[in-house]
């Protein structure tokens, strides 16, 4: 065989071997890419995303789209070729696998965490929207969770409303631990509660609870410091004067909070917030209407623009990252609170783009 032919054959075999290795060898990376975007004013899966009953609602137009990021699964292992392609792709981001899936948490724990964050974001969106509209929102202290094998197991349940501890009214969820730890381990503590089922029925029927129960427990000793405990996590819950349901499956995390809140405001006010314009956005929101930063903002802007968005409501702390590589034709609008977002929507529907607080890469 001529030397040149042999060299070319050897090179070809080497290239094939390298390609095979690149396909077969897993690398410790995961990929993030633009995910679906859903109009909170519209339908998803054949039903409205925002469902409000017991209060007058108004027609809406345009879009207030929440945005998402698609990630590779926890059990998926990229190969070298996929990782290199992802690094070179303009709209994707390759990150260490542990960035998305920390080693100290199982996939089930992560799924539970993101589901809880999503549920909390919906709750905060409702509170922020109604408070923005000066609609009263009730607050109560509840049992968030019960520790297995603790004194509270079987006696208290998640969702029970805690009215008092040892006869002292409970106003904030932090009051519960303070009142319990006044005791020594082994002493009795008495809770006045509204059972979860009765609390839920009363809220649904818009009435006061009909029953309250006294539950007496013997405190246990906390293993870390010996303080008295009963084995519950107290939390804060809200009651609303009418029903607001948010229907959106297969989404996790807290980043849709702002857009849910704006969608609720739009449906509850006569004025059309968007003026028919296509607005998308992202951002967490708390009960006071404060907007917080999120991850994957650059991929969310790409996903929004690909669906037709012209304006993107961007958390203030994400502005610099988003502006570094903003899609053409998409105006990044800086927001820090729900009030900021509503002021910017007013400018958008009036066509005053020049007056918008826009993001910059600095």
Protein backbone atom coordinates (compact mmCIF):
# COMPACT_ATOMS: atom_id res chain seq x y z
CA UNK A 1 0.00 0.00 0.00
CA UNK A 2 1.45 3.41 -0.94
CA UNK A 3 2.66 5.45 2.04
CA UNK A 4 0.29 8.35 1.26
CA UNK A 5 -2.72 6.04 1.12
CA UNK A 6 -1.68 4.39 4.37
CA UNK A 7 -1.30 7.78 6.05
CA UNK A 8 -4.71 8.93 4.86
CA UNK A 9 -6.31 5.67 6.02
CA UNK A 10 -4.65 5.94 9.42
CA UNK A 11 -5.83 9.54 9.76
CA UNK A 12 -9.36 8.56 8.78
CA UNK A 13 -9.38 5.74 11.32
CA UNK A 14 -8.06 8.09 13.98
CA UNK A 15 -10.81 10.62 13.18
CA UNK A 16 -13.47 7.91 13.37
CA UNK A 17 -12.04 6.77 16.71
CA UNK A 18 -12.10 10.31 18.06
CA UNK A 19 -15.69 10.83 16.90
CA UNK A 20 -16.73 7.56 18.49
CA UNK A 21 -15.00 8.55 21.70
CA UNK A 22 -16.69 11.94 21.61
CA UNK A 23 -20.10 10.29 21.25
CA UNK A 24 -19.52 7.56 23.83
CA UNK A 25 -17.62 9.41 26.55
CA UNK A 26 -19.97 11.21 28.99
CA UNK A 27 -18.93 14.58 30.37
CA UNK A 28 -20.09 16.18 33.67
CA UNK A 29 -22.13 18.95 32.06
CA UNK A 30 -25.76 19.83 31.47
CA UNK A 31 -27.39 22.14 28.94
CA UNK A 32 -29.84 25.02 29.31
CA UNK A 33 -31.82 26.32 26.32
CA UNK A 34 -34.86 28.54 25.66
CA UNK A 35 -38.05 26.89 26.89
CA UNK A 36 -41.76 27.38 26.25
CA UNK A 37 -43.41 30.74 26.84
CA UNK A 38 -47.07 30.98 27.87
CA UNK A 39 -49.48 33.91 27.76
CA UNK A 40 -50.89 34.34 31.26
CA UNK A 41 -53.90 36.10 29.71
CA UNK A 42 -54.67 33.16 27.44
CA UNK A 43 -55.15 29.41 27.57
CA UNK A 44 -52.77 26.53 28.05
CA UNK A 45 -53.73 22.91 27.61
CA UNK A 46 -57.25 23.91 26.66
CA UNK A 47 -58.12 25.97 29.76
CA UNK A 48 -57.46 29.53 30.92
CA UNK A 49 -54.18 30.03 32.77
CA UNK A 50 -55.81 32.49 35.18
CA UNK A 51 -59.24 31.51 36.48
CA UNK A 52 -61.05 34.04 38.67
CA UNK A 53 -64.52 33.54 40.16
CA UNK A 54 -66.55 35.55 42.65
CA UNK A 55 -65.33 38.89 41.31
CA UNK A 56 -65.98 40.86 38.14
CA UNK A 57 -63.31 40.42 35.48
CA UNK A 58 -62.67 42.36 32.28
CA UNK A 59 -61.63 41.51 28.73
CA UNK A 60 -57.91 41.56 27.95
CA UNK A 61 -55.87 41.67 24.78
CA UNK A 62 -52.26 41.25 23.79
CA UNK A 63 -49.77 39.14 25.70
CA UNK A 64 -48.26 39.00 29.17
CA UNK A 65 -46.08 35.95 28.66
CA UNK A 66 -44.20 34.08 31.34
CA UNK A 67 -41.00 32.48 30.10
CA UNK A 68 -39.07 29.32 30.93
CA UNK A 69 -35.72 27.62 30.46
CA UNK A 70 -35.44 24.04 29.23
CA UNK A 71 -32.74 21.91 30.90
CA UNK A 72 -31.41 18.41 30.31
CA UNK A 73 -32.67 15.84 32.82
CA UNK A 74 -30.92 14.91 36.03
CA UNK A 75 -30.10 11.41 34.76
CA UNK A 76 -29.00 12.53 31.31
CA UNK A 77 -25.27 12.63 30.68
CA UNK A 78 -24.07 14.74 27.77
CA UNK A 79 -21.32 13.36 25.57
CA UNK A 80 -18.35 15.39 24.43
CA UNK A 81 -19.80 16.14 20.99
CA UNK A 82 -23.03 17.49 22.51
CA UNK A 83 -21.10 19.60 24.99
CA UNK A 84 -18.94 21.16 22.29
CA UNK A 85 -22.00 21.82 20.13
CA UNK A 86 -23.73 23.43 23.11
CA UNK A 87 -20.73 25.65 23.83
CA UNK A 88 -20.70 26.81 20.22
CA UNK A 89 -24.49 27.29 19.93
CA UNK A 90 -25.52 30.92 20.37
CA UNK A 91 -28.77 30.31 22.24
CA UNK A 92 -27.69 27.48 24.56
CA UNK A 93 -25.63 27.39 27.73
CA UNK A 94 -23.53 24.46 28.94
CA UNK A 95 -22.96 24.41 32.70
CA UNK A 96 -21.49 21.90 35.17
CA UNK A 97 -24.03 19.19 35.98
CA UNK A 98 -23.83 20.04 39.68
CA UNK A 99 -24.97 23.61 38.96
CA UNK A 100 -28.44 22.30 38.12
CA UNK A 101 -28.35 19.11 40.18
CA UNK A 102 -26.36 19.49 43.43
CA UNK A 103 -24.88 16.25 44.70
CA UNK A 104 -26.45 16.66 48.15
CA UNK A 105 -30.01 16.54 46.76
CA UNK A 106 -31.84 13.71 45.03
CA UNK A 107 -33.87 14.31 41.84
CA UNK A 108 -37.07 13.83 43.85
CA UNK A 109 -35.96 16.44 46.40
CA UNK A 110 -35.15 18.92 43.62
CA UNK A 111 -38.50 18.32 41.92
CA UNK A 112 -40.28 18.85 45.23
CA UNK A 113 -38.30 22.04 45.85
CA UNK A 114 -39.10 23.56 42.45
CA UNK A 115 -42.77 22.55 42.79
CA UNK A 116 -42.96 24.28 46.18
CA UNK A 117 -41.27 27.39 44.76
CA UNK A 118 -43.80 27.47 41.93
CA UNK A 119 -46.71 27.14 44.35
CA UNK A 120 -45.30 29.90 46.55
CA UNK A 121 -44.79 32.15 43.52
CA UNK A 122 -48.47 31.78 42.66
CA UNK A 123 -49.48 32.64 46.22
CA UNK A 124 -47.24 35.72 46.31
CA UNK A 125 -48.46 36.79 42.86
CA UNK A 126 -52.06 36.76 44.10
CA UNK A 127 -51.18 38.72 47.24
CA UNK A 128 -49.08 41.31 45.38
CA UNK A 129 -51.74 41.80 42.69
CA UNK A 130 -54.62 42.24 45.13
CA UNK A 131 -52.67 44.56 47.40
CA UNK A 132 -51.74 46.63 44.35
CA UNK A 133 -55.47 46.98 43.71
CA UNK A 134 -56.21 47.77 47.39
CA UNK A 135 -58.20 44.55 47.76
CA UNK A 136 -57.91 43.20 51.33
CA UNK A 137 -55.97 39.95 51.80
CA UNK A 138 -56.22 37.96 55.02
CA UNK A 139 -53.20 36.36 56.72
CA UNK A 140 -53.11 33.39 59.09
CA UNK A 141 -50.56 31.09 60.72
CA UNK A 142 -50.71 27.43 59.72
CA UNK A 143 -48.90 24.15 60.23
CA UNK A 144 -46.74 23.90 57.12
CA UNK A 145 -45.33 20.44 57.86
CA UNK A 146 -45.14 17.80 60.59
CA UNK A 147 -41.98 15.83 61.36
CA UNK A 148 -42.41 12.07 61.25
CA UNK A 149 -42.05 10.47 64.69
CA UNK A 150 -42.48 13.79 66.50
CA UNK A 151 -45.00 14.57 69.28
CA UNK A 152 -47.17 16.39 66.72
CA UNK A 153 -47.49 13.44 64.33
CA UNK A 154 -51.12 12.35 64.16
CA UNK A 155 -52.27 15.25 66.35
CA UNK A 156 -51.50 18.24 64.15
CA UNK A 157 -51.67 18.21 60.36
CA UNK A 158 -50.38 20.32 57.50
CA UNK A 159 -52.89 23.08 56.84
CA UNK A 160 -54.20 23.32 60.41
CA UNK A 161 -54.66 26.97 61.36
CA UNK A 162 -52.90 27.85 64.63
CA UNK A 163 -54.97 30.37 66.57
CA UNK A 164 -53.13 30.29 69.92
CA UNK A 165 -50.48 28.47 71.94
CA UNK A 166 -51.12 28.12 75.69
CA UNK A 167 -53.85 30.71 75.39
CA UNK A 168 -51.62 33.34 73.78
CA UNK A 169 -52.86 34.47 70.36
CA UNK A 170 -50.52 33.73 67.46
CA UNK A 171 -50.08 36.59 65.00
CA UNK A 172 -46.88 35.63 63.13
CA UNK A 173 -45.54 32.19 62.31
CA UNK A 174 -42.41 32.93 64.32
CA UNK A 175 -44.57 33.27 67.46
CA UNK A 176 -45.20 29.53 67.54
CA UNK A 177 -41.58 28.50 68.17
CA UNK A 178 -41.13 31.27 70.74
CA UNK A 179 -44.14 30.08 72.72
CA UNK A 180 -43.20 26.40 72.53
CA UNK A 181 -39.61 27.01 73.64
CA UNK A 182 -40.79 28.75 76.79
CA UNK A 183 -41.32 25.21 78.04
CA UNK A 184 -38.77 22.64 79.07
CA UNK A 185 -38.63 19.36 77.19
CA UNK A 186 -41.21 16.97 78.65
CA UNK A 187 -43.70 19.69 79.57
CA UNK A 188 -47.14 19.99 78.01
CA UNK A 189 -48.08 22.67 75.49
CA UNK A 190 -51.62 23.35 74.24
CA UNK A 191 -52.51 24.49 70.71
CA UNK A 192 -55.81 26.03 69.71
CA UNK A 193 -56.36 25.16 66.06
CA UNK A 194 -58.89 25.18 63.27
CA UNK A 195 -58.51 21.78 61.54
CA UNK A 196 -57.26 21.99 57.96
CA UNK A 197 -60.44 20.54 56.43
CA UNK A 198 -62.67 23.00 58.31
CA UNK A 199 -60.39 25.92 57.41
CA UNK A 200 -60.51 24.96 53.72
CA UNK A 201 -64.29 24.51 53.78
CA UNK A 202 -64.79 27.87 55.50
CA UNK A 203 -62.61 29.64 52.96
CA UNK A 204 -64.41 27.97 50.04
CA UNK A 205 -67.83 28.88 51.43
CA UNK A 206 -66.69 32.39 52.47
CA UNK A 207 -67.71 31.91 56.11
CA UNK A 208 -66.10 31.79 59.54
CA UNK A 209 -64.83 28.40 60.78
CA UNK A 210 -67.42 26.53 62.86
CA UNK A 211 -65.04 24.44 64.97
CA UNK A 212 -61.85 24.97 66.93
CA UNK A 213 -59.93 22.20 68.67
CA UNK A 214 -57.54 22.19 71.60
CA UNK A 215 -54.59 19.87 71.11
CA UNK A 216 -52.22 19.19 74.01
CA UNK A 217 -48.79 17.73 73.29
CA UNK A 218 -45.82 16.73 75.42
CA UNK A 219 -42.73 18.51 74.13
CA UNK A 220 -39.61 16.64 73.09
CA UNK A 221 -35.96 17.65 73.33
CA UNK A 222 -34.27 19.00 70.20
CA UNK A 223 -31.16 16.87 69.56
CA UNK A 224 -28.98 19.81 68.57
CA UNK A 225 -29.53 22.11 71.55
CA UNK A 226 -32.02 20.51 73.93
CA UNK A 227 -34.78 23.10 73.49
CA UNK A 228 -38.43 22.07 73.67
CA UNK A 229 -40.02 21.14 70.34
CA UNK A 230 -43.21 19.49 69.09
CA UNK A 231 -42.06 18.71 65.54
CA UNK A 232 -43.90 21.16 63.32
CA UNK A 233 -42.89 23.87 60.90
CA UNK A 234 -45.18 26.87 61.18
CA UNK A 235 -45.84 29.01 58.13
CA UNK A 236 -47.94 31.85 56.81
CA UNK A 237 -51.01 31.42 54.62
CA UNK A 238 -53.35 33.91 52.99
CA UNK A 239 -57.09 34.09 52.54
CA UNK A 240 -58.64 35.83 49.57
CA UNK A 241 -62.07 37.44 49.18
CA UNK A 242 -62.65 35.52 45.95
CA UNK A 243 -61.15 32.57 44.11
CA UNK A 244 -58.05 32.81 41.94
CA UNK A 245 -56.67 29.64 40.38
CA UNK A 246 -53.53 29.45 38.25
CA UNK A 247 -53.52 26.47 35.91
CA UNK A 248 -50.13 25.69 34.39
CA UNK A 249 -48.66 22.19 34.47
CA UNK A 250 -45.08 21.01 34.07
CA UNK A 251 -43.51 24.26 35.27
CA UNK A 252 -41.39 24.71 38.38
CA UNK A 253 -39.51 27.43 40.21
CA UNK A 254 -40.50 30.95 41.27
CA UNK A 255 -39.64 32.98 38.17
CA UNK A 256 -43.19 33.41 36.78
CA UNK A 257 -44.40 35.37 39.81
CA UNK A 258 -44.26 38.82 38.24
CA UNK A 259 -46.13 37.82 35.09
CA UNK A 260 -48.82 35.98 37.05
CA UNK A 261 -49.34 39.08 39.21
CA UNK A 262 -49.64 41.35 36.17
CA UNK A 263 -52.07 38.95 34.51
CA UNK A 264 -54.27 39.00 37.60
CA UNK A 265 -54.21 42.81 37.73
CA UNK A 266 -55.10 42.98 34.03
CA UNK A 267 -58.13 40.70 34.45
CA UNK A 268 -59.40 42.62 37.48
CA UNK A 269 -59.17 46.14 36.02
CA UNK A 270 -61.24 47.72 33.24
CA UNK A 271 -58.21 49.14 31.46
CA UNK A 272 -56.34 46.84 29.09
CA UNK A 273 -52.78 46.82 30.45
CA UNK A 274 -50.98 45.88 27.23
CA UNK A 275 -53.01 47.80 24.66
CA UNK A 276 -52.76 44.71 22.47
CA UNK A 277 -48.95 44.64 22.55
CA UNK A 278 -46.84 41.48 22.95
CA UNK A 279 -45.08 41.77 26.31
CA UNK A 280 -43.12 38.96 27.95
CA UNK A 281 -41.08 38.92 31.11
CA UNK A 282 -39.74 37.12 34.14
CA UNK A 283 -38.98 37.69 37.80
CA UNK A 284 -39.86 36.44 41.23
CA UNK A 285 -42.27 38.48 43.31
CA UNK A 286 -42.91 38.70 47.04
CA UNK A 287 -46.04 39.66 48.94
CA UNK A 288 -45.07 43.34 48.86
CA UNK A 289 -44.68 43.40 45.06
CA UNK A 290 -40.86 43.43 45.08
CA UNK A 291 -39.41 41.79 41.95
CA UNK A 292 -36.37 39.53 42.31
CA UNK A 293 -33.75 38.12 39.91
CA UNK A 294 -33.92 34.72 38.22
CA UNK A 295 -31.60 32.35 36.34
CA UNK A 296 -31.26 31.86 32.59
CA UNK A 297 -32.45 35.34 31.64
CA UNK A 298 -30.63 35.38 28.28
CA UNK A 299 -32.34 32.18 27.17
CA UNK A 300 -35.70 33.54 28.29
CA UNK A 301 -35.28 36.66 26.16
CA UNK A 302 -34.41 34.49 23.16
CA UNK A 303 -37.47 32.29 23.73
CA UNK A 304 -39.74 35.32 24.11
CA UNK A 305 -38.48 37.06 20.98
CA UNK A 306 -38.82 33.88 18.91
CA UNK A 307 -42.54 33.84 19.75
CA UNK A 308 -43.04 37.47 18.79
CA UNK A 309 -42.46 39.48 21.97
CA UNK A 310 -41.42 43.12 21.46
CA UNK A 311 -40.95 44.06 25.12
CA UNK A 312 -39.39 42.06 27.94
CA UNK A 313 -39.93 42.99 31.59
CA UNK A 314 -36.54 42.30 33.19
CA UNK A 315 -35.69 42.24 36.91
CA UNK A 316 -33.32 45.08 37.73
CA UNK A 317 -30.61 42.70 38.94
CA UNK A 318 -30.76 40.70 35.68
CA UNK A 319 -30.54 43.74 33.41
CA UNK A 320 -26.79 43.76 32.80
CA UNK A 321 -26.66 40.06 31.89
CA UNK A 322 -29.74 40.29 29.66
CA UNK A 323 -28.46 43.37 27.81
CA UNK A 324 -25.10 41.80 26.90
CA UNK A 325 -26.69 39.77 24.13
CA UNK A 326 -30.27 40.95 23.73
CA UNK A 327 -32.19 39.61 20.70
CA UNK A 328 -32.76 42.12 17.92
CA UNK A 329 -36.16 43.80 18.08
CA UNK A 330 -36.70 43.13 21.78
CA UNK A 331 -36.77 46.06 24.23
CA UNK A 332 -35.55 45.10 27.70
CA UNK A 333 -37.54 47.03 30.31
CA UNK A 334 -36.02 47.30 33.79
CA UNK A 335 -38.40 46.61 36.70
CA UNK A 336 -37.88 46.46 40.46
CA UNK A 337 -41.48 46.30 41.70
CA UNK A 338 -44.94 45.56 40.37
CA UNK A 339 -45.56 49.32 40.40
CA UNK A 340 -42.58 49.78 38.05
CA UNK A 341 -43.98 47.13 35.72
CA UNK A 342 -47.43 48.76 35.64
CA UNK A 343 -45.93 52.19 34.90
CA UNK A 344 -43.93 50.70 32.03
CA UNK A 345 -46.99 48.90 30.66
CA UNK A 346 -48.78 52.24 30.58
CA UNK A 347 -45.97 53.67 28.45
CA UNK A 348 -45.99 50.60 26.21
CA UNK A 349 -49.70 50.77 25.47
CA UNK A 350 -49.40 54.51 24.78
CA UNK A 351 -46.50 53.91 22.38
CA UNK A 352 -43.99 55.82 24.52
CA UNK A 353 -41.04 53.41 24.08
CA UNK A 354 -38.55 56.25 24.53
CA UNK A 355 -39.81 56.83 28.07
CA UNK A 356 -39.21 53.25 29.19
CA UNK A 357 -36.46 52.46 31.75
CA UNK A 358 -34.33 50.21 29.55
CA UNK A 359 -31.63 47.76 30.58
CA UNK A 360 -27.99 48.42 29.74
CA UNK A 361 -24.96 46.12 29.79
CA UNK A 362 -23.11 48.41 32.22
